[in-house]
PDB file of N, CA and C in Angstrom:
ATOM      1  N   UNK A   1     109.495  96.935 107.408  1.00  0.00           N
ATOM      2  CA  UNK A   1     110.882  97.240 107.684  1.00  0.00           C
ATOM      3  C   UNK A   1     111.790  96.759 106.537  1.00  0.00           C
ATOM      4  N   UNK A   2     111.526  95.555 106.034  1.00  0.00           N
ATOM      5  CA  UNK A   2     112.340  95.034 104.940  1.00  0.00           C
ATOM      6  C   UNK A   2     112.237  95.931 103.715  1.00  0.00           C
ATOM      7  N   UNK A   3     111.016  96.354 103.414  1.00  0.00           N
ATOM      8  CA  UNK A   3     110.778  97.193 102.246  1.00  0.00           C
ATOM      9  C   UNK A   3     111.487  98.538 102.401  1.00  0.00           C
ATOM     10  N   UNK A   4     111.491  99.050 103.618  1.00  0.00           N
ATOM     11  CA  UNK A   4     112.135 100.328 103.897  1.00  0.00           C
ATOM     12  C   UNK A   4     113.654 100.222 103.651  1.00  0.00           C
ATOM     13  N   UNK A   5     114.264  99.132 104.123  1.00  0.00           N
ATOM     14  CA  UNK A   5     115.700  98.941 103.907  1.00  0.00           C
ATOM     15  C   UNK A   5     116.010  98.804 102.423  1.00  0.00           C
ATOM     16  N   UNK A   6     115.153  98.057 101.726  1.00  0.00           N
ATOM     17  CA  UNK A   6     115.341  97.843 100.298  1.00  0.00           C
ATOM     18  C   UNK A   6     115.266  99.176  99.551  1.00  0.00           C
ATOM     19  N   UNK A   7     114.299 100.011  99.916  1.00  0.00           N
ATOM     20  CA  UNK A   7     114.144 101.319  99.277  1.00  0.00           C
ATOM     21  C   UNK A   7     115.333 102.222  99.564  1.00  0.00           C
ATOM     22  N   UNK A   8     115.862 102.165 100.778  1.00  0.00           N
ATOM     23  CA  UNK A   8     117.025 102.982 101.138  1.00  0.00           C
ATOM     24  C   UNK A   8     118.247 102.561 100.323  1.00  0.00           C
ATOM     25  N   UNK A   9     118.460 101.260 100.182  1.00  0.00           N
ATOM     26  CA  UNK A   9     119.576 100.757  99.378  1.00  0.00           C
ATOM     27  C   UNK A   9     119.421 101.214  97.931  1.00  0.00           C
ATOM     28  N   UNK A  10     118.200 101.141  97.417  1.00  0.00           N
ATOM     29  CA  UNK A  10     117.923 101.558  96.034  1.00  0.00           C
ATOM     30  C   UNK A  10     118.200 103.053  95.858  1.00  0.00           C
ATOM     31  N   UNK A  11     117.759 103.852  96.823  1.00  0.00           N
ATOM     32  CA  UNK A  11     117.959 105.308  96.738  1.00  0.00           C
ATOM     33  C   UNK A  11     119.450 105.650  96.736  1.00  0.00           C
ATOM     34  N   UNK A  12     120.208 105.014  97.623  1.00  0.00           N
ATOM     35  CA  UNK A  12     121.649 105.272  97.694  1.00  0.00           C
ATOM     36  C   UNK A  12     122.357 104.791  96.425  1.00  0.00           C
ATOM     37  N   UNK A  13     121.923 103.667  95.880  1.00  0.00           N
ATOM     38  CA  UNK A  13     122.521 103.163  94.640  1.00  0.00           C
ATOM     39  C   UNK A  13     122.257 104.116  93.479  1.00  0.00           C
ATOM     40  N   UNK A  14     121.060 104.683  93.445  1.00  0.00           N
ATOM     41  CA  UNK A  14     120.734 105.658  92.398  1.00  0.00           C
ATOM     42  C   UNK A  14     121.623 106.897  92.511  1.00  0.00           C
ATOM     43  N   UNK A  15     121.847 107.356  93.748  1.00  0.00           N
ATOM     44  CA  UNK A  15     122.732 108.512  93.954  1.00  0.00           C
ATOM     45  C   UNK A  15     124.150 108.185  93.485  1.00  0.00           C
ATOM     46  N   UNK A  16     124.602 106.973  93.792  1.00  0.00           N
ATOM     47  CA  UNK A  16     125.936 106.550  93.389  1.00  0.00           C
ATOM     48  C   UNK A  16     126.056 106.517  91.865  1.00  0.00           C
ATOM     49  N   UNK A  17     125.018 106.013  91.191  1.00  0.00           N
ATOM     50  CA  UNK A  17     125.015 105.996  89.724  1.00  0.00           C
ATOM     51  C   UNK A  17     125.097 107.411  89.157  1.00  0.00           C
ATOM     52  N   UNK A  18     124.360 108.335  89.761  1.00  0.00           N
ATOM     53  CA  UNK A  18     124.387 109.726  89.299  1.00  0.00           C
ATOM     54  C   UNK A  18     125.792 110.309  89.445  1.00  0.00           C
ATOM     55  N   UNK A  19     126.446 110.018  90.554  1.00  0.00           N
ATOM     56  CA  UNK A  19     127.818 110.511  90.760  1.00  0.00           C
ATOM     57  C   UNK A  19     128.781 109.879  89.762  1.00  0.00           C
ATOM     58  N   UNK A  20     128.586 108.597  89.469  1.00  0.00           N
ATOM     59  CA  UNK A  20     129.449 107.925  88.492  1.00  0.00           C
ATOM     60  C   UNK A  20     129.311 108.541  87.103  1.00  0.00           C
ATOM     61  N   UNK A  21     128.113 109.030  86.776  1.00  0.00           N
ATOM     62  CA  UNK A  21     127.903 109.665  85.479  1.00  0.00           C
ATOM     63  C   UNK A  21     128.527 111.064  85.434  1.00  0.00           C
ATOM     64  N   UNK A  22     128.620 111.742  86.572  1.00  0.00           N
ATOM     65  CA  UNK A  22     129.213 113.088  86.620  1.00  0.00           C
ATOM     66  C   UNK A  22     130.738 113.042  86.561  1.00  0.00           C
ATOM     67  N   UNK A  23     131.319 111.936  87.024  1.00  0.00           N
ATOM     68  CA  UNK A  23     132.770 111.845  87.155  1.00  0.00           C
ATOM     69  C   UNK A  23     133.535 112.124  85.848  1.00  0.00           C
ATOM     70  N   UNK A  24     133.164 111.524  84.706  1.00  0.00           N
ATOM     71  CA  UNK A  24     133.929 111.819  83.469  1.00  0.00           C
ATOM     72  C   UNK A  24     133.905 113.294  83.080  1.00  0.00           C
ATOM     73  N   UNK A  25     132.783 113.969  83.311  1.00  0.00           N
ATOM     74  CA  UNK A  25     132.685 115.395  82.986  1.00  0.00           C
ATOM     75  C   UNK A  25     133.659 116.208  83.833  1.00  0.00           C
ATOM     76  N   UNK A  26     133.763 115.849  85.121  1.00  0.00           N
ATOM     77  CA  UNK A  26     134.678 116.578  85.998  1.00  0.00           C
ATOM     78  C   UNK A  26     136.137 116.282  85.648  1.00  0.00           C
ATOM     79  N   UNK A  27     136.414 115.059  85.205  1.00  0.00           N
ATOM     80  CA  UNK A  27     137.778 114.726  84.792  1.00  0.00           C
ATOM     81  C   UNK A  27     138.189 115.553  83.577  1.00  0.00           C
ATOM     82  N   UNK A  28     137.263 115.732  82.642  1.00  0.00           N
ATOM     83  CA  UNK A  28     137.554 116.524  81.446  1.00  0.00           C
ATOM     84  C   UNK A  28     137.771 117.991  81.781  1.00  0.00           C
ATOM     85  N   UNK A  29     136.957 118.517  82.698  1.00  0.00           N
ATOM     86  CA  UNK A  29     137.071 119.932  83.034  1.00  0.00           C
ATOM     87  C   UNK A  29     138.304 120.213  83.885  1.00  0.00           C
ATOM     88  N   UNK A  30     138.795 119.203  84.597  1.00  0.00           N
ATOM     89  CA  UNK A  30     140.001 119.364  85.404  1.00  0.00           C
ATOM     90  C   UNK A  30     139.766 120.072  86.723  1.00  0.00           C
ATOM     91  N   UNK A  31     138.537 120.165  87.176  1.00  0.00           N
ATOM     92  CA  UNK A  31     138.211 120.806  88.454  1.00  0.00           C
ATOM     93  C   UNK A  31     138.533 119.833  89.590  1.00  0.00           C
ATOM     94  N   UNK A  32     139.694 120.019  90.200  1.00  0.00           N
ATOM     95  CA  UNK A  32     140.199 119.082  91.197  1.00  0.00           C
ATOM     96  C   UNK A  32     139.369 119.107  92.485  1.00  0.00           C
ATOM     97  N   UNK A  33     138.931 120.288  92.909  1.00  0.00           N
ATOM     98  CA  UNK A  33     138.171 120.394  94.155  1.00  0.00           C
ATOM     99  C   UNK A  33     136.843 119.656  94.063  1.00  0.00           C
ATOM    100  N   UNK A  34     136.121 119.889  92.971  1.00  0.00           N
ATOM    101  CA  UNK A  34     134.830 119.219  92.790  1.00  0.00           C
ATOM    102  C   UNK A  34     135.019 117.712  92.637  1.00  0.00           C
ATOM    103  N   UNK A  35     136.080 117.310  91.941  1.00  0.00           N
ATOM    104  CA  UNK A  35     136.363 115.892  91.750  1.00  0.00           C
ATOM    105  C   UNK A  35     136.678 115.221  93.083  1.00  0.00           C
ATOM    106  N   UNK A  36     137.450 115.899  93.932  1.00  0.00           N
ATOM    107  CA  UNK A  36     137.766 115.373  95.261  1.00  0.00           C
ATOM    108  C   UNK A  36     136.518 115.207  96.107  1.00  0.00           C
ATOM    109  N   UNK A  37     135.637 116.203  96.067  1.00  0.00           N
ATOM    110  CA  UNK A  37     134.387 116.128  96.819  1.00  0.00           C
ATOM    111  C   UNK A  37     133.511 114.993  96.301  1.00  0.00           C
ATOM    112  N   UNK A  38     133.483 114.838  94.987  1.00  0.00           N
ATOM    113  CA  UNK A  38     132.692 113.777  94.372  1.00  0.00           C
ATOM    114  C   UNK A  38     133.200 112.397  94.805  1.00  0.00           C
ATOM    115  N   UNK A  39     134.513 112.211  94.780  1.00  0.00           N
ATOM    116  CA  UNK A  39     135.093 110.928  95.169  1.00  0.00           C
ATOM    117  C   UNK A  39     134.846 110.627  96.648  1.00  0.00           C
ATOM    118  N   UNK A  40     134.904 111.653  97.471  1.00  0.00           N
ATOM    119  CA  UNK A  40     134.644 111.476  98.898  1.00  0.00           C
ATOM    120  C   UNK A  40     133.187 111.073  99.128  1.00  0.00           C
ATOM    121  N   UNK A  41     132.271 111.738  98.419  1.00  0.00           N
ATOM    122  CA  UNK A  41     130.848 111.415  98.540  1.00  0.00           C
ATOM    123  C   UNK A  41     130.566 109.999  98.036  1.00  0.00           C
ATOM    124  N   UNK A  42     131.237 109.614  96.928  1.00  0.00           N
ATOM    125  CA  UNK A  42     131.077 108.256  96.401  1.00  0.00           C
ATOM    126  C   UNK A  42     131.511 107.221  97.436  1.00  0.00           C
ATOM    127  N   UNK A  43     132.620 107.491  98.095  1.00  0.00           N
ATOM    128  CA  UNK A  43     133.157 106.568  99.097  1.00  0.00           C
ATOM    129  C   UNK A  43     132.178 106.394 100.266  1.00  0.00           C
ATOM    130  N   UNK A  44     131.596 107.493 100.728  1.00  0.00           N
ATOM    131  CA  UNK A  44     130.638 107.393 101.832  1.00  0.00           C
ATOM    132  C   UNK A  44     129.387 106.634 101.405  1.00  0.00           C
ATOM    133  N   UNK A  45     128.924 106.860 100.170  1.00  0.00           N
ATOM    134  CA  UNK A  45     127.753 106.125  99.677  1.00  0.00           C
ATOM    135  C   UNK A  45     128.035 104.630  99.583  1.00  0.00           C
ATOM    136  N   UNK A  46     129.209 104.270  99.081  1.00  0.00           N
ATOM    137  CA  UNK A  46     129.574 102.853  98.946  1.00  0.00           C
ATOM    138  C   UNK A  46     129.618 102.182 100.310  1.00  0.00           C
ATOM    139  N   UNK A  47     130.209 102.835 101.306  1.00  0.00           N
ATOM    140  CA  UNK A  47     130.288 102.224 102.640  1.00  0.00           C
ATOM    141  C   UNK A  47     128.903 102.089 103.264  1.00  0.00           C
ATOM    142  N   UNK A  48     128.034 103.069 103.053  1.00  0.00           N
ATOM    143  CA  UNK A  48     126.685 102.999 103.614  1.00  0.00           C
ATOM    144  C   UNK A  48     125.866 101.893 102.945  1.00  0.00           C
ATOM    145  N   UNK A  49     125.980 101.773 101.628  1.00  0.00           N
ATOM    146  CA  UNK A  49     125.272 100.699 100.912  1.00  0.00           C
ATOM    147  C   UNK A  49     125.760  99.343 101.409  1.00  0.00           C
ATOM    148  N   UNK A  50     127.048  99.191 101.564  1.00  0.00           N
ATOM    149  CA  UNK A  50     127.621  97.926 102.048  1.00  0.00           C
ATOM    150  C   UNK A  50     127.131  97.604 103.451  1.00  0.00           C
ATOM    151  N   UNK A  51     127.063  98.606 104.310  1.00  0.00           N
ATOM    152  CA  UNK A  51     126.587  98.398 105.686  1.00  0.00           C
ATOM    153  C   UNK A  51     125.136  97.935 105.686  1.00  0.00           C
ATOM    154  N   UNK A  52     124.295  98.592 104.874  1.00  0.00           N
ATOM    155  CA  UNK A  52     122.878  98.218 104.808  1.00  0.00           C
ATOM    156  C   UNK A  52     122.698  96.807 104.253  1.00  0.00           C
ATOM    157  N   UNK A  53     123.483  96.458 103.250  1.00  0.00           N
ATOM    158  CA  UNK A  53     123.385  95.107 102.674  1.00  0.00           C
ATOM    159  C   UNK A  53     123.817  94.055 103.691  1.00  0.00           C
ATOM    160  N   UNK A  54     124.898  94.324 104.417  1.00  0.00           N
ATOM    161  CA  UNK A  54     125.359  93.376 105.442  1.00  0.00           C
ATOM    162  C   UNK A  54     124.321  93.223 106.539  1.00  0.00           C
ATOM    163  N   UNK A  55     123.702  94.329 106.930  1.00  0.00           N
ATOM    164  CA  UNK A  55     122.665  94.299 107.958  1.00  0.00           C
ATOM    165  C   UNK A  55     121.494  93.439 107.489  1.00  0.00           C
ATOM    166  N   UNK A  56     121.127  93.574 106.233  1.00  0.00           N
ATOM    167  CA  UNK A  56     120.025  92.797 105.665  1.00  0.00           C
ATOM    168  C   UNK A  56     120.362  91.303 105.641  1.00  0.00           C
ATOM    169  N   UNK A  57     121.613  90.974 105.259  1.00  0.00           N
ATOM    170  CA  UNK A  57     122.053  89.576 105.205  1.00  0.00           C
ATOM    171  C   UNK A  57     122.061  88.964 106.603  1.00  0.00           C
ATOM    172  N   UNK A  58     122.488  89.731 107.609  1.00  0.00           N
ATOM    173  CA  UNK A  58     122.502  89.224 108.978  1.00  0.00           C
ATOM    174  C   UNK A  58     121.093  88.885 109.450  1.00  0.00           C
ATOM    175  N   UNK A  59     120.125  89.739 109.103  1.00  0.00           N
ATOM    176  CA  UNK A  59     118.737  89.465 109.476  1.00  0.00           C
ATOM    177  C   UNK A  59     118.246  88.197 108.798  1.00  0.00           C
ATOM    178  N   UNK A  60     118.584  88.051 107.502  1.00  0.00           N
ATOM    179  CA  UNK A  60     118.190  86.845 106.780  1.00  0.00           C
ATOM    180  C   UNK A  60     118.846  85.618 107.400  1.00  0.00           C
ATOM    181  N   UNK A  61     120.109  85.735 107.752  1.00  0.00           N
ATOM    182  CA  UNK A  61     120.823  84.611 108.333  1.00  0.00           C
ATOM    183  C   UNK A  61     120.195  84.194 109.651  1.00  0.00           C
ATOM    184  N   UNK A  62     119.793  85.168 110.457  1.00  0.00           N
ATOM    185  CA  UNK A  62     119.161  84.853 111.739  1.00  0.00           C
ATOM    186  C   UNK A  62     117.851  84.101 111.508  1.00  0.00           C
ATOM    187  N   UNK A  63     117.075  84.541 110.513  1.00  0.00           N
ATOM    188  CA  UNK A  63     115.812  83.879 110.205  1.00  0.00           C
ATOM    189  C   UNK A  63     116.063  82.475 109.648  1.00  0.00           C
ATOM    190  N   UNK A  64     117.084  82.333 108.799  1.00  0.00           N
ATOM    191  CA  UNK A  64     117.418  81.017 108.239  1.00  0.00           C
ATOM    192  C   UNK A  64     117.866  80.062 109.340  1.00  0.00           C
ATOM    193  N   UNK A  65     118.651  80.545 110.286  1.00  0.00           N
ATOM    194  CA  UNK A  65     119.099  79.701 111.398  1.00  0.00           C
ATOM    195  C   UNK A  65     117.918  79.263 112.255  1.00  0.00           C
ATOM    196  N   UNK A  66     116.976  80.173 112.467  1.00  0.00           N
ATOM    197  CA  UNK A  66     115.788  79.843 113.255  1.00  0.00           C
ATOM    198  C   UNK A  66     115.000  78.721 112.577  1.00  0.00           C
ATOM    199  N   UNK A  67     114.860  78.806 111.257  1.00  0.00           N
ATOM    200  CA  UNK A  67     114.132  77.778 110.522  1.00  0.00           C
ATOM    201  C   UNK A  67     114.884  76.446 110.534  1.00  0.00           C
ATOM    202  N   UNK A  68     116.196  76.494 110.412  1.00  0.00           N
ATOM    203  CA  UNK A  68     116.992  75.266 110.414  1.00  0.00           C
ATOM    204  C   UNK A  68     116.881  74.529 111.751  1.00  0.00           C
ATOM    205  N   UNK A  69     116.692  75.288 112.829  1.00  0.00           N
ATOM    206  CA  UNK A  69     116.590  74.690 114.162  1.00  0.00           C
ATOM    207  C   UNK A  69     115.247  74.009 114.408  1.00  0.00           C
ATOM    208  N   UNK A  70     114.247  74.336 113.565  1.00  0.00           N
ATOM    209  CA  UNK A  70     112.944  73.687 113.730  1.00  0.00           C
ATOM    210  C   UNK A  70     113.119  72.185 113.542  1.00  0.00           C
ATOM    211  N   UNK A  71     112.297  71.424 114.228  1.00  0.00           N
ATOM    212  CA  UNK A  71     112.468  69.974 114.272  1.00  0.00           C
ATOM    213  C   UNK A  71     112.268  69.236 112.969  1.00  0.00           C
ATOM    214  N   UNK A  72     111.497  69.788 112.036  1.00  0.00           N
ATOM    215  CA  UNK A  72     111.129  69.011 110.860  1.00  0.00           C
ATOM    216  C   UNK A  72     111.026  69.914 109.637  1.00  0.00           C
ATOM    217  N   UNK A  73     111.466  69.404 108.497  1.00  0.00           N
ATOM    218  CA  UNK A  73     111.285  70.128 107.237  1.00  0.00           C
ATOM    219  C   UNK A  73     111.129  69.109 106.116  1.00  0.00           C
ATOM    220  N   UNK A  74     110.316  69.459 105.134  1.00  0.00           N
ATOM    221  CA  UNK A  74     110.170  68.605 103.952  1.00  0.00           C
ATOM    222  C   UNK A  74     109.634  69.419 102.785  1.00  0.00           C
ATOM    223  N   UNK A  75     109.768  68.822 101.597  1.00  0.00           N
ATOM    224  CA  UNK A  75     109.275  69.446 100.376  1.00  0.00           C
ATOM    225  C   UNK A  75     107.746  69.513 100.412  1.00  0.00           C
ATOM    226  N   UNK A  76     107.200  70.610  99.912  1.00  0.00           N
ATOM    227  CA  UNK A  76     105.756  70.764  99.797  1.00  0.00           C
ATOM    228  C   UNK A  76     105.373  70.251  98.403  1.00  0.00           C
ATOM    229  N   UNK A  77     104.499  69.250  98.343  1.00  0.00           N
ATOM    230  CA  UNK A  77     104.118  68.657  97.062  1.00  0.00           C
ATOM    231  C   UNK A  77     103.246  69.623  96.255  1.00  0.00           C
ATOM    232  N   UNK A  78     103.117  69.353  94.974  1.00  0.00           N
ATOM    233  CA  UNK A  78     102.301  70.200  94.092  1.00  0.00           C
ATOM    234  C   UNK A  78     100.847  70.231  94.568  1.00  0.00           C
ATOM    235  N   UNK A  79     100.349  69.092  95.024  1.00  0.00           N
ATOM    236  CA  UNK A  79      98.977  69.013  95.500  1.00  0.00           C
ATOM    237  C   UNK A  79      98.799  69.896  96.742  1.00  0.00           C
ATOM    238  N   UNK A  80      99.789  69.864  97.637  1.00  0.00           N
ATOM    239  CA  UNK A  80      99.727  70.700  98.844  1.00  0.00           C
ATOM    240  C   UNK A  80      99.871  72.179  98.491  1.00  0.00           C
ATOM    241  N   UNK A  81     100.696  72.478  97.491  1.00  0.00           N
ATOM    242  CA  UNK A  81     100.864  73.867  97.071  1.00  0.00           C
ATOM    243  C   UNK A  81      99.564  74.438  96.533  1.00  0.00           C
ATOM    244  N   UNK A  82      98.788  73.597  95.868  1.00  0.00           N
ATOM    245  CA  UNK A  82      97.523  74.040  95.308  1.00  0.00           C
ATOM    246  C   UNK A  82      96.536  74.424  96.400  1.00  0.00           C
ATOM    247  N   UNK A  83      96.665  73.796  97.562  1.00  0.00           N
ATOM    248  CA  UNK A  83      95.754  74.053  98.665  1.00  0.00           C
ATOM    249  C   UNK A  83      96.552  74.432  99.916  1.00  0.00           C
ATOM    250  N   UNK A  84      97.411  75.407  99.785  1.00  0.00           N
ATOM    251  CA  UNK A  84      98.335  75.785 100.851  1.00  0.00           C
ATOM    252  C   UNK A  84      97.626  76.301 102.095  1.00  0.00           C
ATOM    253  N   UNK A  85      96.516  76.972 101.916  1.00  0.00           N
ATOM    254  CA  UNK A  85      95.762  77.494 103.065  1.00  0.00           C
ATOM    255  C   UNK A  85      95.313  76.387 103.993  1.00  0.00           C
ATOM    256  N   UNK A  86      94.813  75.294 103.426  1.00  0.00           N
ATOM    257  CA  UNK A  86      94.360  74.152 104.220  1.00  0.00           C
ATOM    258  C   UNK A  86      95.542  73.531 104.955  1.00  0.00           C
ATOM    259  N   UNK A  87      96.685  73.400 104.258  1.00  0.00           N
ATOM    260  CA  UNK A  87      97.881  72.824 104.877  1.00  0.00           C
ATOM    261  C   UNK A  87      98.349  73.667 106.061  1.00  0.00           C
ATOM    262  N   UNK A  88      98.368  74.992 105.885  1.00  0.00           N
ATOM    263  CA  UNK A  88      98.816  75.873 106.963  1.00  0.00           C
ATOM    264  C   UNK A  88      97.881  75.815 108.159  1.00  0.00           C
ATOM    265  N   UNK A  89      96.592  75.647 107.908  1.00  0.00           N
ATOM    266  CA  UNK A  89      95.638  75.537 109.014  1.00  0.00           C
ATOM    267  C   UNK A  89      95.776  74.211 109.741  1.00  0.00           C
ATOM    268  N   UNK A  90      96.123  73.150 109.010  1.00  0.00           N
ATOM    269  CA  UNK A  90      96.207  71.827 109.628  1.00  0.00           C
ATOM    270  C   UNK A  90      97.516  71.611 110.379  1.00  0.00           C
ATOM    271  N   UNK A  91      98.574  72.323 110.010  1.00  0.00           N
ATOM    272  CA  UNK A  91      99.882  72.174 110.666  1.00  0.00           C
ATOM    273  C   UNK A  91     100.181  73.445 111.444  1.00  0.00           C
ATOM    274  N   UNK A  92     100.198  73.324 112.730  1.00  0.00           N
ATOM    275  CA  UNK A  92     100.431  74.486 113.587  1.00  0.00           C
ATOM    276  C   UNK A  92     101.889  74.945 113.491  1.00  0.00           C
ATOM    277  N   UNK A  93     102.080  76.239 113.244  1.00  0.00           N
ATOM    278  CA  UNK A  93     103.428  76.814 113.197  1.00  0.00           C
ATOM    279  C   UNK A  93     104.197  76.515 111.931  1.00  0.00           C
ATOM    280  N   UNK A  94     103.515  76.141 110.866  1.00  0.00           N
ATOM    281  CA  UNK A  94     104.183  75.832 109.600  1.00  0.00           C
ATOM    282  C   UNK A  94     104.699  77.116 108.948  1.00  0.00           C
ATOM    283  N   UNK A  95     105.963  77.075 108.495  1.00  0.00           N
ATOM    284  CA  UNK A  95     106.553  78.185 107.750  1.00  0.00           C
ATOM    285  C   UNK A  95     106.959  77.628 106.390  1.00  0.00           C
ATOM    286  N   UNK A  96     106.426  78.217 105.326  1.00  0.00           N
ATOM    287  CA  UNK A  96     106.722  77.765 103.973  1.00  0.00           C
ATOM    288  C   UNK A  96     107.695  78.759 103.344  1.00  0.00           C
ATOM    289  N   UNK A  97     108.789  78.227 102.761  1.00  0.00           N
ATOM    290  CA  UNK A  97     109.808  79.071 102.137  1.00  0.00           C
ATOM    291  C   UNK A  97     109.924  78.678 100.671  1.00  0.00           C
ATOM    292  N   UNK A  98     109.756  79.671  99.801  1.00  0.00           N
ATOM    293  CA  UNK A  98     109.868  79.445  98.359  1.00  0.00           C
ATOM    294  C   UNK A  98     111.333  79.642  97.950  1.00  0.00           C
ATOM    295  N   UNK A  99     111.849  78.832  97.017  1.00  0.00           N
ATOM    296  CA  UNK A  99     113.265  78.942  96.630  1.00  0.00           C
ATOM    297  C   UNK A  99     113.633  80.247  95.921  1.00  0.00           C
ATOM    298  N   UNK A 100     112.650  80.974  95.393  1.00  0.00           N
ATOM    299  CA  UNK A 100     112.962  82.206  94.678  1.00  0.00           C
ATOM    300  C   UNK A 100     112.976  83.445  95.578  1.00  0.00           C
ATOM    301  N   UNK A 101     112.610  83.301  96.842  1.00  0.00           N
ATOM    302  CA  UNK A 101     112.682  84.439  97.758  1.00  0.00           C
ATOM    303  C   UNK A 101     114.121  84.601  98.229  1.00  0.00           C
ATOM    304  N   UNK A 102     114.425  85.742  98.825  1.00  0.00           N
ATOM    305  CA  UNK A 102     115.784  85.996  99.317  1.00  0.00           C
ATOM    306  C   UNK A 102     116.173  84.943 100.355  1.00  0.00           C
ATOM    307  N   UNK A 103     115.239  84.616 101.229  1.00  0.00           N
ATOM    308  CA  UNK A 103     115.512  83.620 102.265  1.00  0.00           C
ATOM    309  C   UNK A 103     115.745  82.250 101.641  1.00  0.00           C
ATOM    310  N   UNK A 104     114.928  81.892 100.662  1.00  0.00           N
ATOM    311  CA  UNK A 104     115.083  80.600  99.985  1.00  0.00           C
ATOM    312  C   UNK A 104     116.401  80.492  99.240  1.00  0.00           C
ATOM    313  N   UNK A 105     116.817  81.568  98.579  1.00  0.00           N
ATOM    314  CA  UNK A 105     118.105  81.561  97.873  1.00  0.00           C
ATOM    315  C   UNK A 105     119.249  81.432  98.861  1.00  0.00           C
ATOM    316  N   UNK A 106     119.136  82.146  99.981  1.00  0.00           N
ATOM    317  CA  UNK A 106     120.204  82.085 100.971  1.00  0.00           C
ATOM    318  C   UNK A 106     120.341  80.677 101.548  1.00  0.00           C
ATOM    319  N   UNK A 107     119.207  80.025 101.771  1.00  0.00           N
ATOM    320  CA  UNK A 107     119.223  78.681 102.341  1.00  0.00           C
ATOM    321  C   UNK A 107     119.589  77.628 101.302  1.00  0.00           C
ATOM    322  N   UNK A 108     119.639  78.004 100.025  1.00  0.00           N
ATOM    323  CA  UNK A 108     120.015  77.076  98.971  1.00  0.00           C
ATOM    324  C   UNK A 108     118.909  76.089  98.626  1.00  0.00           C
ATOM    325  N   UNK A 109     117.658  76.502  98.791  1.00  0.00           N
ATOM    326  CA  UNK A 109     116.540  75.614  98.511  1.00  0.00           C
ATOM    327  C   UNK A 109     116.330  75.472  97.005  1.00  0.00           C
ATOM    328  N   UNK A 110     115.940  74.260  96.586  1.00  0.00           N
ATOM    329  CA  UNK A 110     115.636  74.004  95.177  1.00  0.00           C
ATOM    330  C   UNK A 110     114.138  73.863  94.955  1.00  0.00           C
ATOM    331  N   UNK A 111     113.402  73.527  96.021  1.00  0.00           N
ATOM    332  CA  UNK A 111     111.951  73.344  95.934  1.00  0.00           C
ATOM    333  C   UNK A 111     111.291  74.061  97.093  1.00  0.00           C
ATOM    334  N   UNK A 112     109.973  74.307  96.967  1.00  0.00           N
ATOM    335  CA  UNK A 112     109.223  74.919  98.056  1.00  0.00           C
ATOM    336  C   UNK A 112     109.271  73.969  99.259  1.00  0.00           C
ATOM    337  N   UNK A 113     109.682  74.501 100.404  1.00  0.00           N
ATOM    338  CA  UNK A 113     109.906  73.677 101.584  1.00  0.00           C
ATOM    339  C   UNK A 113     109.119  74.215 102.766  1.00  0.00           C
ATOM    340  N   UNK A 114     108.599  73.295 103.563  1.00  0.00           N
ATOM    341  CA  UNK A 114     107.871  73.654 104.769  1.00  0.00           C
ATOM    342  C   UNK A 114     108.703  73.303 105.989  1.00  0.00           C
ATOM    343  N   UNK A 115     108.692  74.178 106.970  1.00  0.00           N
ATOM    344  CA  UNK A 115     109.409  73.966 108.230  1.00  0.00           C
ATOM    345  C   UNK A 115     108.401  74.006 109.363  1.00  0.00           C
ATOM    346  N   UNK A 116     108.482  73.030 110.271  1.00  0.00           N
ATOM    347  CA  UNK A 116     107.583  72.981 111.412  1.00  0.00           C
ATOM    348  C   UNK A 116     108.289  72.282 112.568  1.00  0.00           C
ATOM    349  N   UNK A 117     107.719  72.424 113.766  1.00  0.00           N
ATOM    350  CA  UNK A 117     108.300  71.789 114.958  1.00  0.00           C
ATOM    351  C   UNK A 117     108.049  70.287 114.965  1.00  0.00           C
ATOM    352  N   UNK A 118     106.929  69.862 114.374  1.00  0.00           N
ATOM    353  CA  UNK A 118     106.579  68.443 114.345  1.00  0.00           C
ATOM    354  C   UNK A 118     106.415  67.978 112.898  1.00  0.00           C
ATOM    355  N   UNK A 119     106.450  66.672 112.720  1.00  0.00           N
ATOM    356  CA  UNK A 119     106.281  66.095 111.383  1.00  0.00           C
ATOM    357  C   UNK A 119     104.899  66.413 110.837  1.00  0.00           C
ATOM    358  N   UNK A 120     104.821  66.645 109.548  1.00  0.00           N
ATOM    359  CA  UNK A 120     103.521  66.894 108.904  1.00  0.00           C
ATOM    360  C   UNK A 120     103.438  66.155 107.594  1.00  0.00           C
TER     361      UNK A 120
END
């Protein structure tokens, strides 16, 4: 689902770029009707892209809030990162968030962090 939303945003952004490239040509030709239609289409694309981005941020925020509510969080050490599979098996319900992912950036993480209901 995330990938699908990302692809839709990308597709709409590409269409918007194409319209932005056509705009100077229409201004030079002076075709008011086509220019009006182009501007209207640009406006609808911008609002749709904004809606999809806001929807994506809300989903991320809900996931970030869920993680913040978990009882315990701490930095994952380099040694644990090297053997992450073993750590995940030993700690039930562990969720690891990397700072370079969208969720990690939103949460303002500086290091790889693990979230769990109990201390680990």
